[in-house]
Amino acid sequence: MKTAALAIAMVLSILDSPAAAQGSSDAIKMDDLLEQGLQVIAEGQLLEMNEWNCYSLRVISDGSSRSCSHKVIYGWFKRLKGETDEFVCLSFRAWTCFRSEVRN
């Protein structure tokens, strides 16, 4: 359980980094990294939730009501390791990989 929580925390820290947000030049497709001989050292399921369709509705008898729907998307991550580099790859981004600052 600790390993899964740690892996998710590392993935989220990469997603929040400025390089990932700006579409860093470090972004590489997972297939390219696998062809270079990097090995999958961890993988797991991720959850992405997007809020959408928020609206307010005034109901005369009840006052006002606010309602939002949520769309939940499940995906996967894979952590790849080579001799000197490590990457985290995300299915949400069409299996795009981002260089990891944290080494295992």
N, C-alpha and C. Protein backbone atom coordinates (compact mmCIF):
# COMPACT_ATOMS: atom_id res chain seq x y z
N MET A 1 0.82 -1.19 0.00
CA MET A 1 0.00 0.00 0.00
C MET A 1 0.87 1.25 0.00
N LYS A 2 1.96 1.25 0.80
CA LYS A 2 2.84 2.42 0.82
C LYS A 2 3.49 2.63 -0.53
N THR A 3 3.85 1.53 -1.20
CA THR A 3 4.49 1.64 -2.51
C THR A 3 3.55 2.29 -3.51
N ALA A 4 2.29 1.89 -3.51
CA ALA A 4 1.32 2.48 -4.43
C ALA A 4 1.11 3.96 -4.14
N ALA A 5 1.01 4.30 -2.87
CA ALA A 5 0.83 5.71 -2.50
C ALA A 5 2.03 6.54 -2.91
N LEU A 6 3.23 5.99 -2.72
CA LEU A 6 4.45 6.70 -3.11
C LEU A 6 4.51 6.88 -4.62
N ALA A 7 4.15 5.85 -5.36
CA ALA A 7 4.17 5.93 -6.82
C ALA A 7 3.20 6.99 -7.32
N ILE A 8 2.01 7.02 -6.75
CA ILE A 8 1.01 8.02 -7.16
C ILE A 8 1.49 9.42 -6.81
N ALA A 9 2.09 9.58 -5.64
CA ALA A 9 2.61 10.90 -5.25
C ALA A 9 3.69 11.36 -6.21
N MET A 10 4.57 10.44 -6.64
CA MET A 10 5.63 10.82 -7.58
C MET A 10 5.04 11.21 -8.92
N VAL A 11 4.03 10.47 -9.39
CA VAL A 11 3.39 10.80 -10.66
C VAL A 11 2.73 12.17 -10.58
N LEU A 12 2.03 12.42 -9.49
CA LEU A 12 1.35 13.72 -9.35
C LEU A 12 2.34 14.86 -9.25
N SER A 13 3.50 14.64 -8.61
CA SER A 13 4.49 15.70 -8.53
C SER A 13 5.05 16.03 -9.91
N ILE A 14 5.15 15.04 -10.77
CA ILE A 14 5.63 15.28 -12.13
C ILE A 14 4.57 16.04 -12.92
N LEU A 15 3.30 15.66 -12.75
CA LEU A 15 2.23 16.34 -13.48
C LEU A 15 2.11 17.79 -13.08
N ASP A 16 2.44 18.11 -11.84
CA ASP A 16 2.34 19.48 -11.36
C ASP A 16 3.56 20.31 -11.71
N SER A 17 4.59 19.69 -12.23
CA SER A 17 5.82 20.43 -12.52
C SER A 17 5.62 21.34 -13.73
N PRO A 18 6.32 22.47 -13.77
CA PRO A 18 6.19 23.39 -14.91
C PRO A 18 6.57 22.74 -16.24
N ALA A 19 7.54 21.84 -16.23
CA ALA A 19 7.97 21.19 -17.47
C ALA A 19 6.84 20.37 -18.07
N ALA A 20 6.12 19.63 -17.24
CA ALA A 20 5.01 18.81 -17.74
C ALA A 20 3.87 19.70 -18.22
N ALA A 21 3.61 20.77 -17.52
CA ALA A 21 2.52 21.67 -17.87
C ALA A 21 2.77 22.37 -19.19
N GLN A 22 4.04 22.65 -19.52
CA GLN A 22 4.36 23.38 -20.73
C GLN A 22 4.67 22.46 -21.90
N GLY A 23 4.50 21.14 -21.72
CA GLY A 23 4.81 20.23 -22.81
C GLY A 23 6.31 20.19 -23.04
N SER A 24 7.03 19.86 -22.03
CA SER A 24 8.49 19.89 -22.02
C SER A 24 9.09 19.11 -23.18
N SER A 25 10.29 19.52 -23.55
CA SER A 25 11.01 18.78 -24.59
C SER A 25 11.46 17.42 -24.06
N ASP A 26 11.34 17.19 -22.74
CA ASP A 26 11.65 15.89 -22.16
C ASP A 26 10.54 14.88 -22.39
N ALA A 27 9.41 15.32 -22.92
CA ALA A 27 8.29 14.41 -23.17
C ALA A 27 8.63 13.50 -24.35
N ILE A 28 8.56 12.20 -24.09
CA ILE A 28 8.92 11.20 -25.09
C ILE A 28 7.85 10.12 -25.08
N LYS A 29 7.60 9.50 -26.19
CA LYS A 29 6.63 8.41 -26.27
C LYS A 29 7.20 7.15 -25.63
N MET A 30 6.35 6.41 -24.93
CA MET A 30 6.78 5.22 -24.20
C MET A 30 7.38 4.17 -25.13
N ASP A 31 6.82 3.99 -26.31
CA ASP A 31 7.35 2.99 -27.24
C ASP A 31 8.81 3.27 -27.60
N ASP A 32 9.15 4.56 -27.73
CA ASP A 32 10.54 4.92 -28.05
C ASP A 32 11.48 4.53 -26.91
N LEU A 33 11.04 4.75 -25.68
CA LEU A 33 11.87 4.41 -24.53
C LEU A 33 12.03 2.90 -24.38
N LEU A 34 10.96 2.15 -24.63
CA LEU A 34 11.04 0.69 -24.54
C LEU A 34 11.98 0.14 -25.61
N GLU A 35 11.96 0.75 -26.81
CA GLU A 35 12.88 0.33 -27.87
C GLU A 35 14.33 0.61 -27.51
N GLN A 36 14.56 1.64 -26.67
CA GLN A 36 15.91 1.97 -26.22
C GLN A 36 16.38 1.06 -25.09
N GLY A 37 15.52 0.16 -24.63
CA GLY A 37 15.91 -0.80 -23.62
C GLY A 37 15.54 -0.46 -22.19
N LEU A 38 14.78 0.61 -21.96
CA LEU A 38 14.34 0.92 -20.60
C LEU A 38 13.35 -0.14 -20.14
N GLN A 39 13.35 -0.43 -18.84
CA GLN A 39 12.50 -1.47 -18.27
C GLN A 39 11.40 -0.85 -17.42
N VAL A 40 10.22 -1.47 -17.42
CA VAL A 40 9.12 -1.04 -16.56
C VAL A 40 9.43 -1.52 -15.14
N ILE A 41 9.53 -0.58 -14.19
CA ILE A 41 9.84 -0.95 -12.80
C ILE A 41 8.63 -0.77 -11.88
N ALA A 42 7.59 -0.08 -12.34
CA ALA A 42 6.37 0.09 -11.55
C ALA A 42 5.25 0.48 -12.50
N GLU A 43 4.04 0.09 -12.12
CA GLU A 43 2.87 0.48 -12.90
C GLU A 43 1.65 0.42 -11.99
N GLY A 44 0.63 1.15 -12.37
CA GLY A 44 -0.58 1.15 -11.57
C GLY A 44 -1.66 1.99 -12.21
N GLN A 45 -2.81 1.99 -11.54
CA GLN A 45 -3.96 2.71 -12.05
C GLN A 45 -4.01 4.11 -11.45
N LEU A 46 -4.44 5.06 -12.26
CA LEU A 46 -4.61 6.45 -11.84
C LEU A 46 -6.05 6.87 -12.07
N LEU A 47 -6.42 7.93 -11.41
CA LEU A 47 -7.76 8.47 -11.52
C LEU A 47 -7.66 9.94 -11.87
N GLU A 48 -8.38 10.37 -12.89
CA GLU A 48 -8.45 11.78 -13.24
C GLU A 48 -9.92 12.17 -13.22
N MET A 49 -10.25 13.23 -12.51
CA MET A 49 -11.64 13.64 -12.41
C MET A 49 -11.77 15.06 -12.91
N ASN A 50 -12.64 15.27 -13.85
CA ASN A 50 -12.89 16.60 -14.41
C ASN A 50 -14.30 17.03 -14.05
N GLU A 51 -14.42 18.23 -13.49
CA GLU A 51 -15.73 18.78 -13.17
C GLU A 51 -16.29 19.43 -14.42
N TRP A 52 -17.54 19.20 -14.69
CA TRP A 52 -18.17 19.81 -15.86
C TRP A 52 -19.67 19.96 -15.62
N ASN A 53 -20.32 20.74 -16.44
CA ASN A 53 -21.77 20.99 -16.36
C ASN A 53 -22.19 21.54 -15.00
N CYS A 54 -21.53 22.57 -14.53
CA CYS A 54 -21.96 23.23 -13.29
C CYS A 54 -22.97 24.32 -13.66
N TYR A 55 -24.04 24.37 -12.92
CA TYR A 55 -25.04 25.40 -13.17
C TYR A 55 -25.81 25.68 -11.89
N SER A 56 -26.44 26.82 -11.86
CA SER A 56 -27.33 27.19 -10.75
C SER A 56 -28.75 27.24 -11.28
N LEU A 57 -29.64 26.74 -10.51
CA LEU A 57 -31.04 26.70 -10.92
C LEU A 57 -31.87 27.32 -9.80
N ARG A 58 -32.61 28.35 -10.12
CA ARG A 58 -33.46 28.98 -9.11
C ARG A 58 -34.80 28.25 -9.10
N VAL A 59 -35.10 27.69 -7.96
CA VAL A 59 -36.39 27.00 -7.78
C VAL A 59 -37.21 27.86 -6.83
N ILE A 60 -38.39 28.28 -7.24
CA ILE A 60 -39.19 29.23 -6.47
C ILE A 60 -39.51 28.69 -5.08
N SER A 61 -39.89 27.45 -4.98
CA SER A 61 -40.29 26.91 -3.68
C SER A 61 -39.10 26.64 -2.75
N ASP A 62 -37.94 26.32 -3.30
CA ASP A 62 -36.79 25.93 -2.49
C ASP A 62 -35.69 26.99 -2.43
N GLY A 63 -35.79 28.05 -3.13
CA GLY A 63 -34.68 29.00 -3.22
C GLY A 63 -33.80 28.62 -4.40
N SER A 64 -32.49 28.75 -4.26
CA SER A 64 -31.63 28.41 -5.39
C SER A 64 -30.90 27.10 -5.11
N SER A 65 -30.53 26.42 -6.16
CA SER A 65 -29.84 25.14 -6.05
C SER A 65 -28.67 25.14 -7.02
N ARG A 66 -27.55 24.61 -6.60
CA ARG A 66 -26.36 24.50 -7.46
C ARG A 66 -26.09 23.03 -7.69
N SER A 67 -25.76 22.68 -8.92
CA SER A 67 -25.52 21.29 -9.26
C SER A 67 -24.33 21.19 -10.20
N CYS A 68 -23.50 20.19 -9.96
CA CYS A 68 -22.37 19.92 -10.85
C CYS A 68 -22.28 18.42 -11.08
N SER A 69 -21.94 18.06 -12.29
CA SER A 69 -21.69 16.66 -12.63
C SER A 69 -20.19 16.46 -12.72
N HIS A 70 -19.74 15.25 -12.44
CA HIS A 70 -18.32 14.94 -12.52
C HIS A 70 -18.11 13.78 -13.48
N LYS A 71 -17.10 13.92 -14.28
CA LYS A 71 -16.72 12.85 -15.20
C LYS A 71 -15.44 12.22 -14.65
N VAL A 72 -15.46 10.94 -14.40
CA VAL A 72 -14.31 10.25 -13.84
C VAL A 72 -13.66 9.41 -14.94
N ILE A 73 -12.36 9.55 -15.08
CA ILE A 73 -11.61 8.83 -16.10
C ILE A 73 -10.54 8.00 -15.40
N TYR A 74 -10.47 6.73 -15.72
CA TYR A 74 -9.43 5.87 -15.18
C TYR A 74 -8.34 5.69 -16.22
N GLY A 75 -7.10 5.67 -15.75
CA GLY A 75 -5.97 5.49 -16.64
C GLY A 75 -4.87 4.74 -15.92
N TRP A 76 -3.70 4.75 -16.52
CA TRP A 76 -2.57 3.98 -16.00
C TRP A 76 -1.30 4.81 -16.06
N PHE A 77 -0.35 4.47 -15.20
CA PHE A 77 1.00 5.02 -15.29
C PHE A 77 1.97 3.85 -15.33
N LYS A 78 3.10 4.10 -15.94
CA LYS A 78 4.22 3.14 -15.93
C LYS A 78 5.48 3.94 -15.67
N ARG A 79 6.32 3.42 -14.78
CA ARG A 79 7.61 4.04 -14.47
C ARG A 79 8.67 3.20 -15.16
N LEU A 80 9.47 3.85 -16.00
CA LEU A 80 10.52 3.18 -16.76
C LEU A 80 11.89 3.60 -16.25
N LYS A 81 12.81 2.65 -16.23
CA LYS A 81 14.15 2.94 -15.74
C LYS A 81 15.19 2.41 -16.72
N GLY A 82 16.18 3.27 -16.99
CA GLY A 82 17.33 2.88 -17.78
C GLY A 82 18.56 2.92 -16.90
N GLU A 83 19.72 2.93 -17.50
CA GLU A 83 20.96 2.98 -16.71
C GLU A 83 21.11 4.29 -15.96
N THR A 84 20.76 5.40 -16.60
CA THR A 84 20.94 6.71 -15.96
C THR A 84 19.66 7.52 -15.82
N ASP A 85 18.62 7.19 -16.56
CA ASP A 85 17.40 7.99 -16.58
C ASP A 85 16.19 7.19 -16.13
N GLU A 86 15.21 7.91 -15.59
CA GLU A 86 13.92 7.33 -15.24
C GLU A 86 12.83 8.24 -15.79
N PHE A 87 11.73 7.61 -16.21
CA PHE A 87 10.60 8.33 -16.78
C PHE A 87 9.31 7.81 -16.19
N VAL A 88 8.29 8.67 -16.14
CA VAL A 88 6.94 8.26 -15.80
C VAL A 88 6.08 8.49 -17.03
N CYS A 89 5.37 7.44 -17.44
CA CYS A 89 4.54 7.49 -18.64
C CYS A 89 3.07 7.43 -18.23
N LEU A 90 2.24 8.21 -18.92
CA LEU A 90 0.83 8.34 -18.56
C LEU A 90 -0.08 7.98 -19.72
N SER A 91 -1.04 7.12 -19.45
CA SER A 91 -2.01 6.78 -20.50
C SER A 91 -2.91 7.97 -20.81
N PHE A 92 -3.11 8.89 -19.83
CA PHE A 92 -3.92 10.09 -20.07
C PHE A 92 -3.32 10.94 -21.18
N ARG A 93 -2.05 10.86 -21.37
CA ARG A 93 -1.34 11.68 -22.36
C ARG A 93 -0.87 10.83 -23.54
N ALA A 94 -1.65 9.81 -23.89
CA ALA A 94 -1.34 8.92 -25.01
C ALA A 94 0.03 8.26 -24.82
N TRP A 95 0.28 7.79 -23.59
CA TRP A 95 1.53 7.13 -23.21
C TRP A 95 2.74 8.01 -23.50
N THR A 96 2.62 9.27 -23.14
CA THR A 96 3.74 10.20 -23.19
C THR A 96 4.49 10.08 -21.87
N CYS A 97 5.82 10.12 -21.94
CA CYS A 97 6.66 9.95 -20.75
C CYS A 97 7.37 11.25 -20.43
N PHE A 98 7.56 11.46 -19.13
CA PHE A 98 8.24 12.66 -18.63
C PHE A 98 9.40 12.23 -17.76
N ARG A 99 10.53 12.88 -17.94
CA ARG A 99 11.72 12.56 -17.16
C ARG A 99 11.44 12.78 -15.68
N SER A 100 11.88 11.86 -14.85
CA SER A 100 11.65 11.93 -13.42
C SER A 100 12.87 12.51 -12.72
N GLU A 101 12.63 13.41 -11.79
CA GLU A 101 13.71 13.98 -10.98
C GLU A 101 14.07 13.04 -9.83
N VAL A 102 13.13 12.16 -9.47
CA VAL A 102 13.32 11.23 -8.34
C VAL A 102 13.85 9.92 -8.88
N ARG A 103 14.91 9.42 -8.31
CA ARG A 103 15.52 8.17 -8.74
C ARG A 103 15.17 7.06 -7.77
N ASN A 104 14.92 5.86 -8.31
CA ASN A 104 14.69 4.67 -7.48
C ASN A 104 15.85 3.72 -7.59
